[in-house]
Amino acid sequence: MAKCDEGYRCEVCGEDVMSIVDSDLYLRYVIGHLDPEKLHVSPERHIRCNPILAQCIRDDRVPPVAVEGPFALSELDPDHSNEMIDLVTRGYQRLWEINSEDGDRDVTEYPLPEVRARYQ
């Protein structure tokens, strides 16, 4: 069976990642934290299984995530924290836009506009 037919298992919890809106892999790609050349070979995780990134999402569809320790937003520079919250939240909302589109989609159009501009 081809890899694309198998689905994608979360490397943390072992369960299937059933939707792009649950995908840490595609969230990282959309916000520019994953090189497009590594998309097809990078491990998948649920967004909830990556609390460092999940803590940055401010959207009613995601329960707030609290992280303790050196990677908690409260421990980072406030300007950097706010930038990460803005970027990751916009990326998460972009996943929902992608999810709602009908038909075949061009994966190169997934990233946020400023990320696409960097790749061109």
C-alpha atoms as a PDB file:
ATOM      1  CA  MET A   1       0.000   0.000   0.000  1.00  0.00           C
ATOM      2  CA  ALA A   2       1.293   3.463  -0.859  1.00  0.00           C
ATOM      3  CA  LYS A   3       2.192   5.766   2.036  1.00  0.00           C
ATOM      4  CA  CYS A   4      -0.547   8.209   1.012  1.00  0.00           C
ATOM      5  CA  ASP A   5      -3.101   5.385   1.230  1.00  0.00           C
ATOM      6  CA  GLU A   6      -2.021   4.360   4.719  1.00  0.00           C
ATOM      7  CA  GLY A   7      -2.902   7.603   6.454  1.00  0.00           C
ATOM      8  CA  TYR A   8      -0.611   9.366   8.830  1.00  0.00           C
ATOM      9  CA  ARG A   9       0.060   8.168  12.351  1.00  0.00           C
ATOM     10  CA  CYS A  10       1.039  10.550  15.102  1.00  0.00           C
ATOM     11  CA  GLU A  11       4.595   9.845  16.204  1.00  0.00           C
ATOM     12  CA  VAL A  12       3.637  10.808  19.781  1.00  0.00           C
ATOM     13  CA  CYS A  13       0.358   9.000  20.524  1.00  0.00           C
ATOM     14  CA  GLY A  14       0.266   6.504  17.642  1.00  0.00           C
ATOM     15  CA  GLU A  15      -3.285   7.406  16.578  1.00  0.00           C
ATOM     16  CA  ASP A  16      -4.214   8.476  13.049  1.00  0.00           C
ATOM     17  CA  VAL A  17      -4.174  12.173  12.258  1.00  0.00           C
ATOM     18  CA  MET A  18      -7.552  12.267  10.551  1.00  0.00           C
ATOM     19  CA  SER A  19      -7.780  15.858   9.334  1.00  0.00           C
ATOM     20  CA  ILE A  20      -5.531  18.656   8.179  1.00  0.00           C
ATOM     21  CA  VAL A  21      -6.968  20.813  10.986  1.00  0.00           C
ATOM     22  CA  ASP A  22      -5.420  18.373  13.491  1.00  0.00           C
ATOM     23  CA  SER A  23      -2.066  18.201  11.710  1.00  0.00           C
ATOM     24  CA  ASP A  24       1.037  19.614  13.373  1.00  0.00           C
ATOM     25  CA  LEU A  25       2.947  18.749  10.184  1.00  0.00           C
ATOM     26  CA  TYR A  26       0.782  20.938   7.976  1.00  0.00           C
ATOM     27  CA  LEU A  27       0.545  23.694  10.582  1.00  0.00           C
ATOM     28  CA  ARG A  28       4.341  23.902  10.675  1.00  0.00           C
ATOM     29  CA  TYR A  29       4.412  23.909   6.856  1.00  0.00           C
ATOM     30  CA  VAL A  30       1.763  26.639   6.584  1.00  0.00           C
ATOM     31  CA  ILE A  31       3.607  28.948   9.008  1.00  0.00           C
ATOM     32  CA  GLY A  32       7.008  28.358   7.423  1.00  0.00           C
ATOM     33  CA  HIS A  33       8.564  26.212  10.149  1.00  0.00           C
ATOM     34  CA  LEU A  34       8.945  23.222   7.832  1.00  0.00           C
ATOM     35  CA  ASP A  35      10.838  23.327   4.562  1.00  0.00           C
ATOM     36  CA  PRO A  36       8.582  22.289   1.636  1.00  0.00           C
ATOM     37  CA  GLU A  37      11.229  19.781   0.535  1.00  0.00           C
ATOM     38  CA  LYS A  38      10.862  17.954   3.867  1.00  0.00           C
ATOM     39  CA  LEU A  39       7.059  17.863   3.978  1.00  0.00           C
ATOM     40  CA  HIS A  40       6.786  14.357   2.505  1.00  0.00           C
ATOM     41  CA  VAL A  41       9.451  12.832   4.781  1.00  0.00           C
ATOM     42  CA  SER A  42       8.704  14.539   8.092  1.00  0.00           C
ATOM     43  CA  PRO A  43       6.872  12.760  10.901  1.00  0.00           C
ATOM     44  CA  GLU A  44       3.265  13.655  11.649  1.00  0.00           C
ATOM     45  CA  ARG A  45       1.770  14.619  15.001  1.00  0.00           C
ATOM     46  CA  HIS A  46      -1.545  15.915  16.208  1.00  0.00           C
ATOM     47  CA  ILE A  47      -1.424  19.592  17.069  1.00  0.00           C
ATOM     48  CA  ARG A  48      -2.432  18.598  20.616  1.00  0.00           C
ATOM     49  CA  CYS A  49       0.600  16.301  20.764  1.00  0.00           C
ATOM     50  CA  ASN A  50       2.929  19.272  20.239  1.00  0.00           C
ATOM     51  CA  PRO A  51       2.027  21.497  23.207  1.00  0.00           C
ATOM     52  CA  ILE A  52       4.877  23.932  22.498  1.00  0.00           C
ATOM     53  CA  LEU A  53       3.145  24.957  19.268  1.00  0.00           C
ATOM     54  CA  ALA A  54      -0.432  24.356  20.459  1.00  0.00           C
ATOM     55  CA  GLN A  55      -0.021  26.859  23.294  1.00  0.00           C
ATOM     56  CA  CYS A  56       0.237  29.603  20.662  1.00  0.00           C
ATOM     57  CA  ILE A  57      -3.197  29.027  19.125  1.00  0.00           C
ATOM     58  CA  ARG A  58      -5.905  31.495  20.073  1.00  0.00           C
ATOM     59  CA  ASP A  59      -9.038  30.082  18.483  1.00  0.00           C
ATOM     60  CA  ASP A  60     -12.316  28.918  20.022  1.00  0.00           C
ATOM     61  CA  ARG A  61     -11.967  25.570  18.213  1.00  0.00           C
ATOM     62  CA  VAL A  62      -8.897  24.682  20.291  1.00  0.00           C
ATOM     63  CA  PRO A  63      -8.912  24.365  24.063  1.00  0.00           C
ATOM     64  CA  PRO A  64      -6.156  26.486  25.623  1.00  0.00           C
ATOM     65  CA  VAL A  65      -2.901  24.628  26.222  1.00  0.00           C
ATOM     66  CA  ALA A  66      -0.666  25.497  29.155  1.00  0.00           C
ATOM     67  CA  VAL A  67       3.024  24.659  29.032  1.00  0.00           C
ATOM     68  CA  GLU A  68       5.391  24.845  31.963  1.00  0.00           C
ATOM     69  CA  GLY A  69       9.131  25.260  31.814  1.00  0.00           C
ATOM     70  CA  PRO A  70      11.541  27.112  29.561  1.00  0.00           C
ATOM     71  CA  PHE A  71       9.343  26.857  26.445  1.00  0.00           C
ATOM     72  CA  ALA A  72       6.215  28.282  28.069  1.00  0.00           C
ATOM     73  CA  LEU A  73       5.099  31.494  26.405  1.00  0.00           C
ATOM     74  CA  SER A  74       5.325  33.214  29.780  1.00  0.00           C
ATOM     75  CA  GLU A  75       9.062  32.427  29.872  1.00  0.00           C
ATOM     76  CA  LEU A  76       9.803  33.871  26.438  1.00  0.00           C
ATOM     77  CA  ASP A  77      10.317  37.444  25.369  1.00  0.00           C
ATOM     78  CA  PRO A  78       6.835  39.040  25.280  1.00  0.00           C
ATOM     79  CA  ASP A  79       7.305  40.434  21.768  1.00  0.00           C
ATOM     80  CA  HIS A  80       8.391  37.024  20.487  1.00  0.00           C
ATOM     81  CA  SER A  81       5.482  35.351  22.291  1.00  0.00           C
ATOM     82  CA  ASN A  82       2.989  37.727  20.689  1.00  0.00           C
ATOM     83  CA  GLU A  83       4.527  37.186  17.252  1.00  0.00           C
ATOM     84  CA  MET A  84       4.289  33.415  17.693  1.00  0.00           C
ATOM     85  CA  ILE A  85       0.672  33.651  18.882  1.00  0.00           C
ATOM     86  CA  ASP A  86      -0.225  35.737  15.835  1.00  0.00           C
ATOM     87  CA  LEU A  87       1.635  33.491  13.367  1.00  0.00           C
ATOM     88  CA  VAL A  88       0.451  30.150  14.736  1.00  0.00           C
ATOM     89  CA  THR A  89      -3.147  31.320  15.146  1.00  0.00           C
ATOM     90  CA  ARG A  90      -3.234  32.589  11.557  1.00  0.00           C
ATOM     91  CA  GLY A  91      -1.686  29.309  10.421  1.00  0.00           C
ATOM     92  CA  TYR A  92      -4.304  27.298  12.287  1.00  0.00           C
ATOM     93  CA  GLN A  93      -7.080  29.377  10.748  1.00  0.00           C
ATOM     94  CA  ARG A  94      -5.490  28.793   7.333  1.00  0.00           C
ATOM     95  CA  LEU A  95      -5.762  25.036   7.921  1.00  0.00           C
ATOM     96  CA  TRP A  96      -9.507  25.486   8.371  1.00  0.00           C
ATOM     97  CA  GLU A  97      -9.690  27.476   5.111  1.00  0.00           C
ATOM     98  CA  ILE A  98      -7.818  24.704   3.300  1.00  0.00           C
ATOM     99  CA  ASN A  99     -10.088  22.090   4.869  1.00  0.00           C
ATOM    100  CA  SER A 100     -13.193  23.869   3.594  1.00  0.00           C
ATOM    101  CA  GLU A 101     -11.998  24.120  -0.025  1.00  0.00           C
ATOM    102  CA  ASP A 102     -13.525  21.705  -2.528  1.00  0.00           C
ATOM    103  CA  GLY A 103     -11.643  19.714  -5.133  1.00  0.00           C
ATOM    104  CA  ASP A 104      -7.946  19.173  -5.675  1.00  0.00           C
ATOM    105  CA  ARG A 105      -5.712  21.618  -3.929  1.00  0.00           C
ATOM    106  CA  ASP A 106      -2.205  22.731  -4.791  1.00  0.00           C
ATOM    107  CA  VAL A 107      -0.065  22.122  -1.702  1.00  0.00           C
ATOM    108  CA  THR A 108       2.225  25.000  -2.722  1.00  0.00           C
ATOM    109  CA  GLU A 109      -0.703  27.344  -2.063  1.00  0.00           C
ATOM    110  CA  TYR A 110      -1.168  26.160   1.536  1.00  0.00           C
ATOM    111  CA  PRO A 111       1.336  28.444   3.308  1.00  0.00           C
ATOM    112  CA  LEU A 112       0.474  31.896   4.555  1.00  0.00           C
ATOM    113  CA  PRO A 113       1.141  34.643   1.956  1.00  0.00           C
ATOM    114  CA  GLU A 114       4.368  35.872   3.577  1.00  0.00           C
ATOM    115  CA  VAL A 115       5.680  32.305   3.735  1.00  0.00           C
ATOM    116  CA  ARG A 116       4.838  31.668   0.053  1.00  0.00           C
ATOM    117  CA  ALA A 117       6.673  34.894  -0.830  1.00  0.00           C
ATOM    118  CA  ARG A 118       9.827  33.610   0.916  1.00  0.00           C
ATOM    119  CA  TYR A 119       9.715  30.392  -1.120  1.00  0.00           C
ATOM    120  CA  GLN A 120       9.441  32.199  -4.465  1.00  0.00           C
END
